[in-house]
Amino acid sequence: MKYDVFIAALVRGANSSSIIYSIVETAKEQGLNPMNYITYLFEQIPNMDLKNNPELLKSLLPWGVLPKKCYLTKKD
């Protein structure tokens, strides 16, 4: 039983890691500062009614119009 829980945790962890890695790499490709972008997502998503308005999620995509703080600056 403990082995099954361990394997399940590894799979969930790998899945979570791959999602975060994908978000970070996509942000970098779009000229975003990954840390600022993810912070922005964590600030915005809890305040959105995505259950009733799933189209709101499009406003958070890395190729959309985002606040200036999400973009890389020359010193980054």
C-alpha atoms as a PDB file:
ATOM      1  CA  MET A   1       0.000   0.000   0.000  1.00  0.00           C
ATOM      2  CA  LYS A   2       2.740   2.484   0.906  1.00  0.00           C
ATOM      3  CA  TYR A   3       4.472   1.786  -2.409  1.00  0.00           C
ATOM      4  CA  ASP A   4       1.280   2.678  -4.341  1.00  0.00           C
ATOM      5  CA  VAL A   5       1.010   5.992  -2.501  1.00  0.00           C
ATOM      6  CA  PHE A   6       4.677   6.724  -3.209  1.00  0.00           C
ATOM      7  CA  ILE A   7       4.271   6.030  -6.945  1.00  0.00           C
ATOM      8  CA  ALA A   8       1.093   8.127  -7.098  1.00  0.00           C
ATOM      9  CA  ALA A   9       2.904  11.018  -5.412  1.00  0.00           C
ATOM     10  CA  LEU A  10       5.772  10.738  -7.918  1.00  0.00           C
ATOM     11  CA  VAL A  11       3.348  10.858 -10.844  1.00  0.00           C
ATOM     12  CA  ARG A  12       1.477  13.875  -9.434  1.00  0.00           C
ATOM     13  CA  GLY A  13       4.762  15.624  -8.724  1.00  0.00           C
ATOM     14  CA  ALA A  14       6.060  14.947 -12.221  1.00  0.00           C
ATOM     15  CA  ASN A  15       2.811  16.214 -13.722  1.00  0.00           C
ATOM     16  CA  SER A  16       2.933  19.391 -11.625  1.00  0.00           C
ATOM     17  CA  SER A  17       6.576  19.966 -12.519  1.00  0.00           C
ATOM     18  CA  SER A  18       5.885  19.591 -16.216  1.00  0.00           C
ATOM     19  CA  ILE A  19       3.042  22.125 -16.052  1.00  0.00           C
ATOM     20  CA  ILE A  20       5.216  24.706 -14.265  1.00  0.00           C
ATOM     21  CA  TYR A  21       8.122  24.049 -16.643  1.00  0.00           C
ATOM     22  CA  SER A  22       5.817  24.561 -19.629  1.00  0.00           C
ATOM     23  CA  ILE A  23       4.505  27.861 -18.223  1.00  0.00           C
ATOM     24  CA  VAL A  24       8.049  29.104 -17.506  1.00  0.00           C
ATOM     25  CA  GLU A  25       9.414  28.180 -20.934  1.00  0.00           C
ATOM     26  CA  THR A  26       6.420  29.656 -22.768  1.00  0.00           C
ATOM     27  CA  ALA A  27       6.762  32.863 -20.753  1.00  0.00           C
ATOM     28  CA  LYS A  28      10.452  33.116 -21.666  1.00  0.00           C
ATOM     29  CA  GLU A  29       9.651  32.579 -25.354  1.00  0.00           C
ATOM     30  CA  GLN A  30       7.148  35.440 -25.181  1.00  0.00           C
ATOM     31  CA  GLY A  31       9.661  37.838 -23.604  1.00  0.00           C
ATOM     32  CA  LEU A  32       8.187  37.638 -20.120  1.00  0.00           C
ATOM     33  CA  ASN A  33       9.947  37.495 -16.785  1.00  0.00           C
ATOM     34  CA  PRO A  34       8.808  34.015 -15.623  1.00  0.00           C
ATOM     35  CA  MET A  35       8.790  34.877 -11.900  1.00  0.00           C
ATOM     36  CA  ASN A  36       6.791  38.070 -12.406  1.00  0.00           C
ATOM     37  CA  TYR A  37       4.402  36.322 -14.787  1.00  0.00           C
ATOM     38  CA  ILE A  38       3.707  33.427 -12.411  1.00  0.00           C
ATOM     39  CA  THR A  39       3.279  35.880  -9.536  1.00  0.00           C
ATOM     40  CA  TYR A  40       0.782  37.798 -11.672  1.00  0.00           C
ATOM     41  CA  LEU A  41      -1.115  34.562 -12.397  1.00  0.00           C
ATOM     42  CA  PHE A  42      -1.278  33.721  -8.684  1.00  0.00           C
ATOM     43  CA  GLU A  43      -2.583  37.208  -7.954  1.00  0.00           C
ATOM     44  CA  GLN A  44      -5.223  37.208 -10.689  1.00  0.00           C
ATOM     45  CA  ILE A  45      -6.616  33.672 -10.898  1.00  0.00           C
ATOM     46  CA  PRO A  46      -8.123  33.545  -7.367  1.00  0.00           C
ATOM     47  CA  ASN A  47     -10.076  36.723  -8.133  1.00  0.00           C
ATOM     48  CA  MET A  48     -11.555  35.455 -11.395  1.00  0.00           C
ATOM     49  CA  ASP A  49     -14.830  33.612 -11.827  1.00  0.00           C
ATOM     50  CA  LEU A  50     -13.413  31.008 -14.213  1.00  0.00           C
ATOM     51  CA  LYS A  51     -16.182  28.542 -13.479  1.00  0.00           C
ATOM     52  CA  ASN A  52     -18.828  30.816 -15.001  1.00  0.00           C
ATOM     53  CA  ASN A  53     -16.530  32.699 -17.403  1.00  0.00           C
ATOM     54  CA  PRO A  54     -13.784  30.334 -18.621  1.00  0.00           C
ATOM     55  CA  GLU A  55     -12.981  32.768 -21.449  1.00  0.00           C
ATOM     56  CA  LEU A  56     -11.357  35.030 -18.826  1.00  0.00           C
ATOM     57  CA  LEU A  57      -8.440  32.633 -18.837  1.00  0.00           C
ATOM     58  CA  LYS A  58      -7.476  33.920 -22.301  1.00  0.00           C
ATOM     59  CA  SER A  59      -6.577  37.278 -20.771  1.00  0.00           C
ATOM     60  CA  LEU A  60      -3.811  35.562 -18.776  1.00  0.00           C
ATOM     61  CA  LEU A  61      -2.105  33.773 -21.652  1.00  0.00           C
ATOM     62  CA  PRO A  62       1.529  34.776 -22.160  1.00  0.00           C
ATOM     63  CA  TRP A  63       0.920  36.053 -25.699  1.00  0.00           C
ATOM     64  CA  GLY A  64      -1.875  38.349 -24.563  1.00  0.00           C
ATOM     65  CA  VAL A  65      -1.724  41.894 -23.254  1.00  0.00           C
ATOM     66  CA  LEU A  66      -0.207  41.792 -19.780  1.00  0.00           C
ATOM     67  CA  PRO A  67       1.003  44.425 -17.308  1.00  0.00           C
ATOM     68  CA  LYS A  68       4.464  45.870 -17.930  1.00  0.00           C
ATOM     69  CA  LYS A  69       5.770  44.209 -14.760  1.00  0.00           C
ATOM     70  CA  CYS A  70       5.434  40.817 -16.489  1.00  0.00           C
ATOM     71  CA  TYR A  71       7.833  41.683 -19.317  1.00  0.00           C
ATOM     72  CA  LEU A  72      11.589  41.324 -19.254  1.00  0.00           C
ATOM     73  CA  THR A  73      13.592  44.491 -18.925  1.00  0.00           C
ATOM     74  CA  LYS A  74      17.112  45.017 -20.232  1.00  0.00           C
ATOM     75  CA  LYS A  75      18.608  44.357 -16.785  1.00  0.00           C
ATOM     76  CA  ASP A  76      16.779  40.985 -16.475  1.00  0.00           C
END
